[in-house]
Amino acid sequence: MIQTLTPKAMRLVRTLPAFLGIGTVAVALLAVPAAGQSGDGETTPPDPATVMLMPGDGLQIGIWREPDLSGEFIVDEHGNVTLPLLGAVYVAGIPIDTVRAQLIEAYRVDLRNPSITIRPLRRIYVLGDVNRPGLQALDPTLSLAGAVAIAGGSSPLGDLRRLTIIRDGRELGTDLGPEMDLLSVGIMSGDQIFVGRRSWWERNAPFVTSTVLGVAGIVVAILR
């Protein structure tokens, strides 16, 4: 036997498609993979030997058994770093492996068979929705996600799919994936990596979806 619906029930039936439509969209959006997570995800790692220092960069030097000669030094506006025993040494625009070889030769004057490790650093501001925003000294072979991790990671509102590089107030980078390295995207000291905020929908989807499905359940129960 076919049951006749009351006028009130008929009104609820008319509104049900709209509610179910919202719920369907919510479920569909939640099922879509995050941007940047598709594909094989393979990237070619940068060659550290190709890194060159520029004014404003940092240079981390470690000399075995010589803690007083080791440390982090800043490349000045003329492209020099001022080092213990050596004074001003020009390093800008020189491959990092060549800089290391030159330092070994220079320190041989005062040290016997010096063992030296060096690491270039880009001094970059990591800002936006991160837990510890501020200036960070970062290895240029590091990924953008790694840079954000050093800044304490993204906040609960942050979205690694919304990364922007800013230089002198201008946005430089677009479509930046968190797996991209600083060297490949052309990061320079003084640049900013800005972590954007997740959209309103992404932040509120679970609540909206649960509310819509709850209302839909009530409507269905009334119609039974």
N, C-alpha and C. Protein backbone atom coordinates (compact mmCIF):
# COMPACT_ATOMS: atom_id res chain seq x y z
N MET A 1 0.84 -1.19 0.00
CA MET A 1 0.00 0.00 0.00
C MET A 1 0.87 1.24 0.00
N ILE A 2 0.50 2.21 -0.85
CA ILE A 2 1.26 3.44 -0.94
C ILE A 2 0.80 4.41 0.12
N GLN A 3 1.75 4.95 0.92
CA GLN A 3 1.41 5.88 1.99
C GLN A 3 1.41 7.30 1.46
N THR A 4 0.36 8.07 1.76
CA THR A 4 0.25 9.47 1.33
C THR A 4 0.97 10.36 2.33
N LEU A 5 1.83 11.25 1.82
CA LEU A 5 2.59 12.13 2.69
C LEU A 5 1.77 13.35 3.07
N THR A 6 1.97 13.82 4.27
CA THR A 6 1.31 15.03 4.72
C THR A 6 1.94 16.24 4.04
N PRO A 7 1.25 17.41 4.01
CA PRO A 7 1.85 18.62 3.41
C PRO A 7 3.19 18.98 4.04
N LYS A 8 3.33 18.81 5.36
CA LYS A 8 4.61 19.13 6.03
C LYS A 8 5.70 18.22 5.53
N ALA A 9 5.37 16.93 5.37
CA ALA A 9 6.37 15.98 4.89
C ALA A 9 6.77 16.30 3.46
N MET A 10 5.79 16.75 2.63
CA MET A 10 6.10 17.11 1.25
C MET A 10 7.08 18.27 1.19
N ARG A 11 6.92 19.26 2.09
CA ARG A 11 7.86 20.39 2.12
C ARG A 11 9.26 19.92 2.46
N LEU A 12 9.37 18.98 3.39
CA LEU A 12 10.67 18.44 3.77
C LEU A 12 11.30 17.68 2.60
N VAL A 13 10.46 16.99 1.83
CA VAL A 13 10.98 16.25 0.69
C VAL A 13 11.59 17.21 -0.33
N ARG A 14 10.93 18.37 -0.52
CA ARG A 14 11.43 19.33 -1.49
C ARG A 14 12.79 19.90 -1.08
N THR A 15 13.01 20.06 0.24
CA THR A 15 14.29 20.61 0.71
C THR A 15 15.38 19.57 0.80
N LEU A 16 15.01 18.30 0.81
CA LEU A 16 16.00 17.24 0.98
C LEU A 16 17.06 17.22 -0.11
N PRO A 17 16.71 17.39 -1.41
CA PRO A 17 17.76 17.36 -2.43
C PRO A 17 18.83 18.40 -2.21
N ALA A 18 18.44 19.59 -1.72
CA ALA A 18 19.45 20.63 -1.48
C ALA A 18 20.41 20.20 -0.39
N PHE A 19 19.84 19.64 0.71
CA PHE A 19 20.71 19.18 1.79
C PHE A 19 21.62 18.06 1.34
N LEU A 20 21.01 17.10 0.60
CA LEU A 20 21.81 15.98 0.13
C LEU A 20 22.85 16.42 -0.87
N GLY A 21 22.51 17.46 -1.64
CA GLY A 21 23.49 17.98 -2.59
C GLY A 21 24.71 18.52 -1.87
N ILE A 22 24.49 19.27 -0.79
CA ILE A 22 25.61 19.79 -0.01
C ILE A 22 26.42 18.66 0.57
N GLY A 23 25.71 17.63 1.12
CA GLY A 23 26.43 16.51 1.70
C GLY A 23 27.25 15.77 0.67
N THR A 24 26.68 15.63 -0.54
CA THR A 24 27.40 14.93 -1.60
C THR A 24 28.66 15.67 -1.98
N VAL A 25 28.54 17.02 -2.10
CA VAL A 25 29.72 17.83 -2.42
C VAL A 25 30.77 17.71 -1.34
N ALA A 26 30.31 17.71 -0.06
CA ALA A 26 31.25 17.61 1.05
C ALA A 26 32.04 16.32 0.98
N VAL A 27 31.32 15.20 0.77
CA VAL A 27 31.99 13.92 0.70
C VAL A 27 32.95 13.87 -0.48
N ALA A 28 32.51 14.41 -1.62
CA ALA A 28 33.34 14.39 -2.83
C ALA A 28 34.62 15.18 -2.63
N LEU A 29 34.49 16.37 -2.02
CA LEU A 29 35.68 17.20 -1.82
C LEU A 29 36.65 16.55 -0.84
N LEU A 30 36.11 15.91 0.17
CA LEU A 30 36.99 15.26 1.14
C LEU A 30 37.74 14.10 0.51
N ALA A 31 37.17 13.52 -0.55
CA ALA A 31 37.81 12.37 -1.18
C ALA A 31 38.85 12.76 -2.21
N VAL A 32 38.88 14.07 -2.61
CA VAL A 32 39.84 14.50 -3.62
C VAL A 32 41.23 14.55 -3.02
N PRO A 33 42.25 13.99 -3.67
CA PRO A 33 43.60 14.04 -3.13
C PRO A 33 44.10 15.47 -3.05
N ALA A 34 44.94 15.75 -2.09
CA ALA A 34 45.52 17.09 -1.94
C ALA A 34 46.37 17.42 -3.15
N ALA A 35 46.37 18.72 -3.52
CA ALA A 35 47.16 19.15 -4.67
C ALA A 35 48.63 18.89 -4.41
N GLY A 36 49.31 18.43 -5.44
CA GLY A 36 50.73 18.16 -5.31
C GLY A 36 51.05 16.77 -4.83
N GLN A 37 50.01 15.95 -4.56
CA GLN A 37 50.26 14.60 -4.08
C GLN A 37 50.09 13.55 -5.17
N SER A 38 49.72 13.98 -6.38
CA SER A 38 49.54 13.03 -7.47
C SER A 38 50.83 12.89 -8.24
N GLY A 39 50.87 11.91 -9.17
CA GLY A 39 52.07 11.71 -9.97
C GLY A 39 53.06 10.83 -9.25
N ASP A 40 54.20 10.63 -9.89
CA ASP A 40 55.20 9.73 -9.31
C ASP A 40 55.97 10.36 -8.17
N GLY A 41 55.92 11.73 -8.05
CA GLY A 41 56.59 12.39 -6.93
C GLY A 41 58.09 12.37 -6.99
N GLU A 42 58.65 11.95 -8.12
CA GLU A 42 60.10 11.85 -8.20
C GLU A 42 60.70 13.20 -8.61
N THR A 43 61.74 13.61 -7.92
CA THR A 43 62.44 14.83 -8.26
C THR A 43 63.93 14.54 -8.29
N THR A 44 64.64 15.30 -9.10
CA THR A 44 66.08 15.13 -9.19
C THR A 44 66.74 15.93 -8.08
N PRO A 45 67.47 15.29 -7.18
CA PRO A 45 68.10 16.03 -6.09
C PRO A 45 69.14 17.01 -6.61
N PRO A 46 69.25 18.18 -6.01
CA PRO A 46 70.22 19.16 -6.47
C PRO A 46 71.64 18.71 -6.15
N ASP A 47 72.58 19.17 -6.96
CA ASP A 47 73.98 18.85 -6.74
C ASP A 47 74.57 19.91 -5.81
N PRO A 48 74.94 19.55 -4.58
CA PRO A 48 75.48 20.54 -3.65
C PRO A 48 76.71 21.27 -4.19
N ALA A 49 77.47 20.61 -5.09
CA ALA A 49 78.68 21.23 -5.61
C ALA A 49 78.37 22.44 -6.49
N THR A 50 77.12 22.55 -6.96
CA THR A 50 76.76 23.67 -7.82
C THR A 50 76.36 24.92 -7.02
N VAL A 51 76.23 24.79 -5.72
CA VAL A 51 75.81 25.92 -4.90
C VAL A 51 76.91 26.98 -4.86
N MET A 52 76.51 28.23 -5.03
CA MET A 52 77.44 29.34 -4.93
C MET A 52 76.92 30.32 -3.88
N LEU A 53 77.83 30.91 -3.15
CA LEU A 53 77.47 31.87 -2.12
C LEU A 53 77.24 33.25 -2.72
N MET A 54 76.37 34.02 -2.07
CA MET A 54 76.08 35.38 -2.47
C MET A 54 76.07 36.27 -1.24
N PRO A 55 76.22 37.59 -1.41
CA PRO A 55 76.13 38.49 -0.26
C PRO A 55 74.84 38.26 0.53
N GLY A 56 74.97 38.21 1.84
CA GLY A 56 73.83 37.93 2.70
C GLY A 56 73.73 36.48 3.11
N ASP A 57 74.43 35.60 2.40
CA ASP A 57 74.42 34.18 2.76
C ASP A 57 75.24 33.93 4.01
N GLY A 58 75.09 32.74 4.54
CA GLY A 58 75.93 32.30 5.64
C GLY A 58 76.85 31.17 5.17
N LEU A 59 77.97 31.02 5.85
CA LEU A 59 78.90 29.93 5.56
C LEU A 59 79.26 29.26 6.88
N GLN A 60 78.87 28.01 7.00
CA GLN A 60 79.18 27.25 8.21
C GLN A 60 80.46 26.46 7.98
N ILE A 61 81.44 26.71 8.83
CA ILE A 61 82.76 26.08 8.68
C ILE A 61 83.07 25.25 9.92
N GLY A 62 83.51 24.03 9.70
CA GLY A 62 83.95 23.18 10.79
C GLY A 62 85.37 22.69 10.53
N ILE A 63 86.28 23.01 11.42
CA ILE A 63 87.68 22.58 11.29
C ILE A 63 87.96 21.61 12.44
N TRP A 64 88.37 20.43 12.08
CA TRP A 64 88.57 19.37 13.07
C TRP A 64 89.58 19.79 14.13
N ARG A 65 89.15 19.63 15.39
CA ARG A 65 89.96 19.97 16.56
C ARG A 65 90.32 21.45 16.65
N GLU A 66 89.55 22.29 15.97
CA GLU A 66 89.80 23.73 16.03
C GLU A 66 88.47 24.46 16.24
N PRO A 67 87.86 24.30 17.42
CA PRO A 67 86.56 24.93 17.65
C PRO A 67 86.61 26.46 17.59
N ASP A 68 87.76 27.04 17.92
CA ASP A 68 87.87 28.50 17.89
C ASP A 68 87.88 29.04 16.46
N LEU A 69 88.21 28.19 15.52
CA LEU A 69 88.24 28.62 14.12
C LEU A 69 86.97 28.24 13.38
N SER A 70 86.12 27.47 14.03
CA SER A 70 84.88 27.00 13.40
C SER A 70 83.73 27.93 13.77
N GLY A 71 82.67 27.83 12.99
CA GLY A 71 81.49 28.64 13.30
C GLY A 71 80.72 28.99 12.04
N GLU A 72 79.77 29.90 12.20
CA GLU A 72 78.95 30.37 11.09
C GLU A 72 79.32 31.82 10.80
N PHE A 73 79.61 32.10 9.53
CA PHE A 73 80.07 33.42 9.14
C PHE A 73 79.18 33.97 8.02
N ILE A 74 79.04 35.28 7.99
CA ILE A 74 78.14 35.93 7.04
C ILE A 74 78.94 36.51 5.87
N VAL A 75 78.43 36.30 4.67
CA VAL A 75 79.04 36.90 3.48
C VAL A 75 78.60 38.36 3.40
N ASP A 76 79.56 39.29 3.41
CA ASP A 76 79.21 40.71 3.42
C ASP A 76 78.82 41.19 2.03
N GLU A 77 78.52 42.50 1.95
CA GLU A 77 78.03 43.06 0.68
C GLU A 77 79.08 43.03 -0.43
N HIS A 78 80.35 42.84 -0.07
CA HIS A 78 81.42 42.75 -1.07
C HIS A 78 81.73 41.30 -1.46
N GLY A 79 81.02 40.35 -0.87
CA GLY A 79 81.25 38.94 -1.20
C GLY A 79 82.32 38.28 -0.37
N ASN A 80 82.72 38.93 0.74
CA ASN A 80 83.78 38.38 1.60
C ASN A 80 83.20 37.79 2.88
N VAL A 81 83.91 36.81 3.42
CA VAL A 81 83.68 36.36 4.79
C VAL A 81 84.96 36.63 5.57
N THR A 82 84.81 37.06 6.79
CA THR A 82 85.97 37.34 7.64
C THR A 82 86.19 36.15 8.56
N LEU A 83 87.31 35.45 8.38
CA LEU A 83 87.58 34.21 9.09
C LEU A 83 88.77 34.36 10.03
N PRO A 84 88.76 33.62 11.15
CA PRO A 84 89.91 33.64 12.06
C PRO A 84 91.19 33.22 11.34
N LEU A 85 92.26 33.88 11.61
CA LEU A 85 93.60 33.65 11.04
C LEU A 85 93.72 34.16 9.60
N LEU A 86 92.64 34.09 8.84
CA LEU A 86 92.74 34.42 7.42
C LEU A 86 92.28 35.84 7.10
N GLY A 87 91.40 36.38 7.90
CA GLY A 87 90.85 37.69 7.58
C GLY A 87 89.78 37.58 6.51
N ALA A 88 89.68 38.60 5.65
CA ALA A 88 88.64 38.63 4.61
C ALA A 88 89.00 37.68 3.47
N VAL A 89 88.06 36.80 3.14
CA VAL A 89 88.24 35.84 2.05
C VAL A 89 87.06 36.00 1.09
N TYR A 90 87.36 36.19 -0.19
CA TYR A 90 86.28 36.37 -1.17
C TYR A 90 85.71 35.01 -1.55
N VAL A 91 84.37 34.87 -1.43
CA VAL A 91 83.73 33.57 -1.68
C VAL A 91 82.53 33.67 -2.62
N ALA A 92 82.07 34.86 -2.95
CA ALA A 92 80.85 35.01 -3.74
C ALA A 92 81.04 34.49 -5.17
N GLY A 93 80.05 33.76 -5.67
CA GLY A 93 80.06 33.30 -7.04
C GLY A 93 81.04 32.18 -7.33
N ILE A 94 81.59 31.56 -6.29
CA ILE A 94 82.55 30.46 -6.47
C ILE A 94 81.89 29.16 -6.02
N PRO A 95 81.98 28.09 -6.82
CA PRO A 95 81.39 26.82 -6.39
C PRO A 95 81.89 26.42 -5.01
N ILE A 96 80.99 25.88 -4.21
CA ILE A 96 81.30 25.62 -2.81
C ILE A 96 82.47 24.65 -2.64
N ASP A 97 82.62 23.70 -3.55
CA ASP A 97 83.75 22.78 -3.46
C ASP A 97 85.07 23.51 -3.68
N THR A 98 85.06 24.50 -4.55
CA THR A 98 86.27 25.29 -4.80
C THR A 98 86.61 26.14 -3.58
N VAL A 99 85.58 26.68 -2.94
CA VAL A 99 85.80 27.47 -1.71
C VAL A 99 86.46 26.59 -0.65
N ARG A 100 85.99 25.39 -0.50
CA ARG A 100 86.56 24.49 0.50
C ARG A 100 88.03 24.20 0.19
N ALA A 101 88.34 23.92 -1.08
CA ALA A 101 89.73 23.65 -1.45
C ALA A 101 90.62 24.85 -1.18
N GLN A 102 90.11 26.06 -1.44
CA GLN A 102 90.89 27.26 -1.19
C GLN A 102 91.13 27.48 0.30
N LEU A 103 90.13 27.18 1.11
CA LEU A 103 90.30 27.34 2.56
C LEU A 103 91.31 26.33 3.11
N ILE A 104 91.27 25.11 2.61
CA ILE A 104 92.24 24.11 3.06
C ILE A 104 93.66 24.59 2.78
N GLU A 105 93.88 25.11 1.57
CA GLU A 105 95.22 25.60 1.22
C GLU A 105 95.61 26.80 2.07
N ALA A 106 94.67 27.69 2.32
CA ALA A 106 94.97 28.88 3.11
C ALA A 106 95.30 28.53 4.56
N TYR A 107 94.60 27.57 5.12
CA TYR A 107 94.84 27.21 6.52
C TYR A 107 96.08 26.33 6.70
N ARG A 108 96.61 25.79 5.62
CA ARG A 108 97.84 24.99 5.73
C ARG A 108 99.01 25.81 6.27
N VAL A 109 98.93 27.12 6.10
CA VAL A 109 100.02 27.99 6.59
C VAL A 109 100.15 27.87 8.11
N ASP A 110 99.01 27.75 8.80
CA ASP A 110 99.02 27.71 10.27
C ASP A 110 98.64 26.36 10.86
N LEU A 111 97.99 25.51 10.06
CA LEU A 111 97.54 24.22 10.57
C LEU A 111 98.15 23.08 9.77
N ARG A 112 98.38 21.98 10.45
CA ARG A 112 98.94 20.82 9.78
C ARG A 112 97.83 19.91 9.29
N ASN A 113 97.78 19.71 7.97
CA ASN A 113 96.76 18.86 7.34
C ASN A 113 95.36 19.18 7.87
N PRO A 114 94.88 20.40 7.66
CA PRO A 114 93.55 20.76 8.20
C PRO A 114 92.43 19.96 7.53
N SER A 115 91.52 19.48 8.37
CA SER A 115 90.33 18.79 7.87
C SER A 115 89.15 19.75 8.02
N ILE A 116 88.58 20.16 6.89
CA ILE A 116 87.58 21.24 6.89
C ILE A 116 86.30 20.77 6.21
N THR A 117 85.20 21.05 6.85
CA THR A 117 83.88 20.87 6.23
C THR A 117 83.20 22.23 6.16
N ILE A 118 82.53 22.50 5.05
CA ILE A 118 81.81 23.76 4.93
C ILE A 118 80.41 23.49 4.40
N ARG A 119 79.51 24.40 4.73
CA ARG A 119 78.13 24.26 4.28
C ARG A 119 77.56 25.64 4.01
N PRO A 120 77.09 25.88 2.79
CA PRO A 120 76.46 27.17 2.48
C PRO A 120 75.09 27.26 3.13
N LEU A 121 74.68 28.47 3.48
CA LEU A 121 73.39 28.67 4.12
C LEU A 121 72.69 29.87 3.48
N ARG A 122 71.43 29.69 3.15
CA ARG A 122 70.59 30.81 2.73
C ARG A 122 69.85 31.31 3.97
N ARG A 123 69.93 32.60 4.21
CA ARG A 123 69.28 33.19 5.39
C ARG A 123 67.92 33.73 4.95
N ILE A 124 66.87 32.96 5.28
CA ILE A 124 65.54 33.17 4.71
C ILE A 124 64.52 33.33 5.84
N TYR A 125 63.54 34.19 5.60
CA TYR A 125 62.44 34.34 6.55
C TYR A 125 61.33 33.34 6.18
N VAL A 126 60.96 32.53 7.15
CA VAL A 126 59.83 31.60 6.97
C VAL A 126 58.68 32.17 7.79
N LEU A 127 57.64 32.62 7.08
CA LEU A 127 56.56 33.37 7.72
C LEU A 127 55.20 32.77 7.37
N GLY A 128 54.16 33.40 7.87
CA GLY A 128 52.80 32.92 7.61
C GLY A 128 52.34 32.00 8.71
N ASP A 129 51.59 30.98 8.33
CA ASP A 129 51.02 30.05 9.31
C ASP A 129 52.01 28.95 9.65
N VAL A 130 53.07 29.35 10.37
CA VAL A 130 54.06 28.41 10.90
C VAL A 130 54.16 28.64 12.40
N ASN A 131 54.70 27.66 13.11
CA ASN A 131 54.74 27.75 14.57
C ASN A 131 55.83 28.66 15.10
N ARG A 132 56.96 28.77 14.36
CA ARG A 132 58.04 29.64 14.83
C ARG A 132 58.51 30.52 13.66
N PRO A 133 57.71 31.53 13.28
CA PRO A 133 58.10 32.38 12.16
C PRO A 133 59.35 33.20 12.48
N GLY A 134 60.15 33.45 11.46
CA GLY A 134 61.35 34.25 11.66
C GLY A 134 62.45 33.88 10.70
N LEU A 135 63.64 34.44 10.94
CA LEU A 135 64.80 34.21 10.08
C LEU A 135 65.40 32.85 10.37
N GLN A 136 65.67 32.09 9.29
CA GLN A 136 66.27 30.77 9.42
C GLN A 136 67.47 30.67 8.48
N ALA A 137 68.54 30.04 8.95
CA ALA A 137 69.71 29.76 8.11
C ALA A 137 69.56 28.35 7.57
N LEU A 138 69.34 28.23 6.26
CA LEU A 138 68.93 26.95 5.68
C LEU A 138 69.89 26.50 4.60
N ASP A 139 70.16 25.20 4.59
CA ASP A 139 70.92 24.59 3.51
C ASP A 139 70.10 24.72 2.23
N PRO A 140 70.67 25.26 1.13
CA PRO A 140 69.89 25.46 -0.09
C PRO A 140 69.42 24.18 -0.77
N THR A 141 69.98 23.02 -0.37
CA THR A 141 69.49 21.76 -0.94
C THR A 141 68.26 21.25 -0.19
N LEU A 142 67.85 21.96 0.85
CA LEU A 142 66.68 21.57 1.63
C LEU A 142 65.41 21.81 0.83
N SER A 143 64.39 21.02 1.09
CA SER A 143 63.10 21.22 0.42
C SER A 143 62.33 22.33 1.11
N LEU A 144 61.31 22.83 0.43
CA LEU A 144 60.45 23.85 1.03
C LEU A 144 59.76 23.31 2.27
N ALA A 145 59.35 22.04 2.21
CA ALA A 145 58.73 21.42 3.39
C ALA A 145 59.73 21.34 4.54
N GLY A 146 61.00 21.05 4.21
CA GLY A 146 62.04 21.01 5.23
C GLY A 146 62.26 22.38 5.86
N ALA A 147 62.19 23.43 5.04
CA ALA A 147 62.33 24.79 5.57
C ALA A 147 61.22 25.11 6.54
N VAL A 148 59.99 24.72 6.20
CA VAL A 148 58.86 24.95 7.10
C VAL A 148 59.02 24.13 8.39
N ALA A 149 59.53 22.90 8.26
CA ALA A 149 59.74 22.06 9.43
C ALA A 149 60.72 22.70 10.41
N ILE A 150 61.78 23.32 9.89
CA ILE A 150 62.76 23.97 10.76
C ILE A 150 62.13 25.16 11.47
N ALA A 151 61.11 25.75 10.85
CA ALA A 151 60.39 26.86 11.49
C ALA A 151 59.28 26.34 12.41
N GLY A 152 59.38 25.09 12.83
CA GLY A 152 58.41 24.52 13.75
C GLY A 152 57.24 23.85 13.09
N GLY A 153 57.25 23.77 11.75
CA GLY A 153 56.15 23.16 11.04
C GLY A 153 55.00 24.13 10.84
N SER A 154 54.07 23.76 9.97
CA SER A 154 52.91 24.62 9.73
C SER A 154 51.97 24.55 10.93
N SER A 155 51.28 25.65 11.17
CA SER A 155 50.29 25.69 12.25
C SER A 155 49.07 24.88 11.83
N PRO A 156 48.11 24.67 12.76
CA PRO A 156 46.90 23.92 12.37
C PRO A 156 46.14 24.56 11.22
N LEU A 157 46.36 25.86 11.00
CA LEU A 157 45.67 26.55 9.91
C LEU A 157 46.50 26.57 8.63
N GLY A 158 47.79 26.23 8.72
CA GLY A 158 48.67 26.33 7.56
C GLY A 158 48.45 25.24 6.54
N ASP A 159 48.83 25.55 5.29
CA ASP A 159 48.64 24.62 4.19
C ASP A 159 49.91 24.62 3.33
N LEU A 160 50.62 23.50 3.31
CA LEU A 160 51.86 23.40 2.53
C LEU A 160 51.61 23.43 1.02
N ARG A 161 50.35 23.35 0.62
CA ARG A 161 50.04 23.50 -0.81
C ARG A 161 49.93 24.96 -1.21
N ARG A 162 50.00 25.86 -0.23
CA ARG A 162 49.89 27.29 -0.50
C ARG A 162 51.18 27.98 -0.04
N LEU A 163 52.23 27.74 -0.80
CA LEU A 163 53.53 28.33 -0.50
C LEU A 163 53.83 29.43 -1.51
N THR A 164 54.36 30.53 -1.00
CA THR A 164 54.71 31.67 -1.85
C THR A 164 56.09 32.16 -1.48
N ILE A 165 56.87 32.52 -2.49
CA ILE A 165 58.17 33.14 -2.27
C ILE A 165 58.02 34.63 -2.53
N ILE A 166 58.45 35.45 -1.60
CA ILE A 166 58.33 36.90 -1.70
C ILE A 166 59.71 37.52 -1.64
N ARG A 167 60.00 38.41 -2.58
CA ARG A 167 61.27 39.13 -2.60
C ARG A 167 61.00 40.62 -2.83
N ASP A 168 61.47 41.43 -1.90
CA ASP A 168 61.26 42.89 -2.00
C ASP A 168 59.79 43.24 -2.20
N GLY A 169 58.92 42.52 -1.50
CA GLY A 169 57.50 42.82 -1.56
C GLY A 169 56.78 42.25 -2.76
N ARG A 170 57.48 41.52 -3.62
CA ARG A 170 56.85 40.95 -4.82
C ARG A 170 56.79 39.43 -4.72
N GLU A 171 55.68 38.87 -5.15
CA GLU A 171 55.55 37.42 -5.17
C GLU A 171 56.29 36.86 -6.38
N LEU A 172 57.16 35.88 -6.13
CA LEU A 172 57.97 35.31 -7.20
C LEU A 172 57.51 33.91 -7.59
N GLY A 173 57.22 33.10 -6.62
CA GLY A 173 56.93 31.69 -6.89
C GLY A 173 55.44 31.41 -6.98
N THR A 174 55.05 30.59 -7.94
CA THR A 174 53.68 30.10 -8.04
C THR A 174 53.74 28.60 -8.31
N ASP A 175 52.69 27.91 -7.92
CA ASP A 175 52.61 26.45 -8.10
C ASP A 175 53.83 25.77 -7.49
N LEU A 176 54.17 26.15 -6.28
CA LEU A 176 55.33 25.58 -5.59
C LEU A 176 54.89 24.36 -4.79
N GLY A 177 55.51 23.23 -5.06
CA GLY A 177 55.24 22.03 -4.28
C GLY A 177 56.16 21.95 -3.08
N PRO A 178 55.72 21.40 -1.97
CA PRO A 178 56.56 21.32 -0.77
C PRO A 178 57.80 20.48 -0.96
N GLU A 179 57.81 19.61 -2.00
CA GLU A 179 58.98 18.76 -2.23
C GLU A 179 60.08 19.48 -3.01
N MET A 180 59.80 20.66 -3.55
CA MET A 180 60.80 21.39 -4.32
C MET A 180 61.90 21.92 -3.41
N ASP A 181 63.15 21.93 -3.89
CA ASP A 181 64.26 22.39 -3.05
C ASP A 181 64.53 23.86 -3.28
N LEU A 182 65.18 24.48 -2.30
CA LEU A 182 65.44 25.92 -2.35
C LEU A 182 66.32 26.30 -3.52
N LEU A 183 67.28 25.44 -3.84
CA LEU A 183 68.20 25.74 -4.94
C LEU A 183 67.46 25.79 -6.27
N SER A 184 66.56 24.87 -6.50
CA SER A 184 65.85 24.80 -7.77
C SER A 184 64.89 25.98 -7.97
N VAL A 185 64.29 26.46 -6.90
CA VAL A 185 63.34 27.56 -7.03
C VAL A 185 64.02 28.92 -6.98
N GLY A 186 65.34 28.94 -6.85
CA GLY A 186 66.09 30.20 -6.92
C GLY A 186 66.01 31.06 -5.67
N ILE A 187 65.88 30.43 -4.51
CA ILE A 187 65.83 31.18 -3.25
C ILE A 187 67.12 31.95 -3.02
N MET A 188 67.00 33.19 -2.56
CA MET A 188 68.15 34.02 -2.18
C MET A 188 68.00 34.47 -0.74
N SER A 189 69.12 34.76 -0.10
CA SER A 189 69.06 35.28 1.27
C SER A 189 68.26 36.57 1.29
N GLY A 190 67.41 36.70 2.31
CA GLY A 190 66.54 37.86 2.42
C GLY A 190 65.14 37.60 1.88
N ASP A 191 64.97 36.50 1.11
CA ASP A 191 63.65 36.14 0.61
C ASP A 191 62.76 35.66 1.75
N GLN A 192 61.48 35.60 1.46
CA GLN A 192 60.50 35.08 2.42
C GLN A 192 59.79 33.87 1.81
N ILE A 193 59.66 32.84 2.62
CA ILE A 193 58.78 31.72 2.27
C ILE A 193 57.52 31.91 3.11
N PHE A 194 56.41 32.15 2.44
CA PHE A 194 55.16 32.42 3.14
C PHE A 194 54.23 31.22 3.02
N VAL A 195 53.80 30.71 4.17
CA VAL A 195 52.88 29.58 4.22
C VAL A 195 51.46 30.12 4.35
N GLY A 196 50.63 29.84 3.34
CA GLY A 196 49.26 30.32 3.34
C GLY A 196 48.35 29.52 4.25
N ARG A 197 47.14 30.01 4.37
CA ARG A 197 46.15 29.39 5.26
C ARG A 197 45.21 28.49 4.47
N ARG A 198 44.80 27.40 5.09
CA ARG A 198 43.81 26.53 4.47
C ARG A 198 42.50 27.29 4.26
N SER A 199 41.76 26.91 3.22
CA SER A 199 40.51 27.60 2.90
C SER A 199 39.48 27.37 4.00
N TRP A 200 38.44 28.22 3.98
CA TRP A 200 37.37 28.08 4.98
C TRP A 200 36.77 26.69 4.91
N TRP A 201 36.55 26.20 3.68
CA TRP A 201 35.93 24.89 3.54
C TRP A 201 36.80 23.79 4.14
N GLU A 202 38.10 23.82 3.86
CA GLU A 202 38.99 22.78 4.37
C GLU A 202 39.05 22.80 5.89
N ARG A 203 38.94 24.00 6.47
CA ARG A 203 38.99 24.10 7.93
C ARG A 203 37.68 23.68 8.59
N ASN A 204 36.59 23.79 7.86
CA ASN A 204 35.28 23.53 8.47
C ASN A 204 34.53 22.37 7.86
N ALA A 205 35.14 21.69 6.88
CA ALA A 205 34.44 20.60 6.18
C ALA A 205 33.92 19.52 7.12
N PRO A 206 34.71 19.03 8.09
CA PRO A 206 34.17 17.97 8.96
C PRO A 206 32.92 18.40 9.71
N PHE A 207 32.92 19.65 10.22
CA PHE A 207 31.75 20.13 10.95
C PHE A 207 30.54 20.29 10.03
N VAL A 208 30.77 20.90 8.85
CA VAL A 208 29.67 21.11 7.91
C VAL A 208 29.10 19.77 7.46
N THR A 209 29.99 18.84 7.14
CA THR A 209 29.54 17.54 6.65
C THR A 209 28.72 16.81 7.71
N SER A 210 29.22 16.80 8.94
CA SER A 210 28.48 16.12 10.01
C SER A 210 27.13 16.78 10.25
N THR A 211 27.07 18.10 10.16
CA THR A 211 25.80 18.81 10.36
C THR A 211 24.81 18.48 9.27
N VAL A 212 25.29 18.49 8.01
CA VAL A 212 24.42 18.21 6.88
C VAL A 212 23.90 16.78 6.94
N LEU A 213 24.78 15.84 7.22
CA LEU A 213 24.35 14.45 7.29
C LEU A 213 23.39 14.22 8.46
N GLY A 214 23.61 14.98 9.55
CA GLY A 214 22.70 14.87 10.68
C GLY A 214 21.31 15.36 10.32
N VAL A 215 21.26 16.52 9.63
CA VAL A 215 19.96 17.05 9.20
C VAL A 215 19.28 16.10 8.22
N ALA A 216 20.08 15.57 7.29
CA ALA A 216 19.52 14.63 6.31
C ALA A 216 18.94 13.40 7.02
N GLY A 217 19.63 12.93 8.07
CA GLY A 217 19.13 11.78 8.82
C GLY A 217 17.80 12.07 9.50
N ILE A 218 17.69 13.30 10.03
CA ILE A 218 16.44 13.69 10.67
C ILE A 218 15.30 13.73 9.67
N VAL A 219 15.59 14.30 8.49
CA VAL A 219 14.57 14.40 7.44
C VAL A 219 14.11 13.01 7.03
N VAL A 220 15.06 12.11 6.81
CA VAL A 220 14.70 10.75 6.40
C VAL A 220 13.86 10.08 7.46
N ALA A 221 14.23 10.29 8.76
CA ALA A 221 13.47 9.68 9.84
C ALA A 221 12.03 10.20 9.89
N ILE A 222 11.86 11.50 9.60
CA ILE A 222 10.52 12.09 9.61
C ILE A 222 9.65 11.50 8.49
N LEU A 223 10.30 11.24 7.34
CA LEU A 223 9.56 10.78 6.18
C LEU A 223 9.17 9.31 6.26
N ARG A 224 9.79 8.58 7.17
CA ARG A 224 9.47 7.16 7.26
C ARG A 224 8.08 6.93 7.83
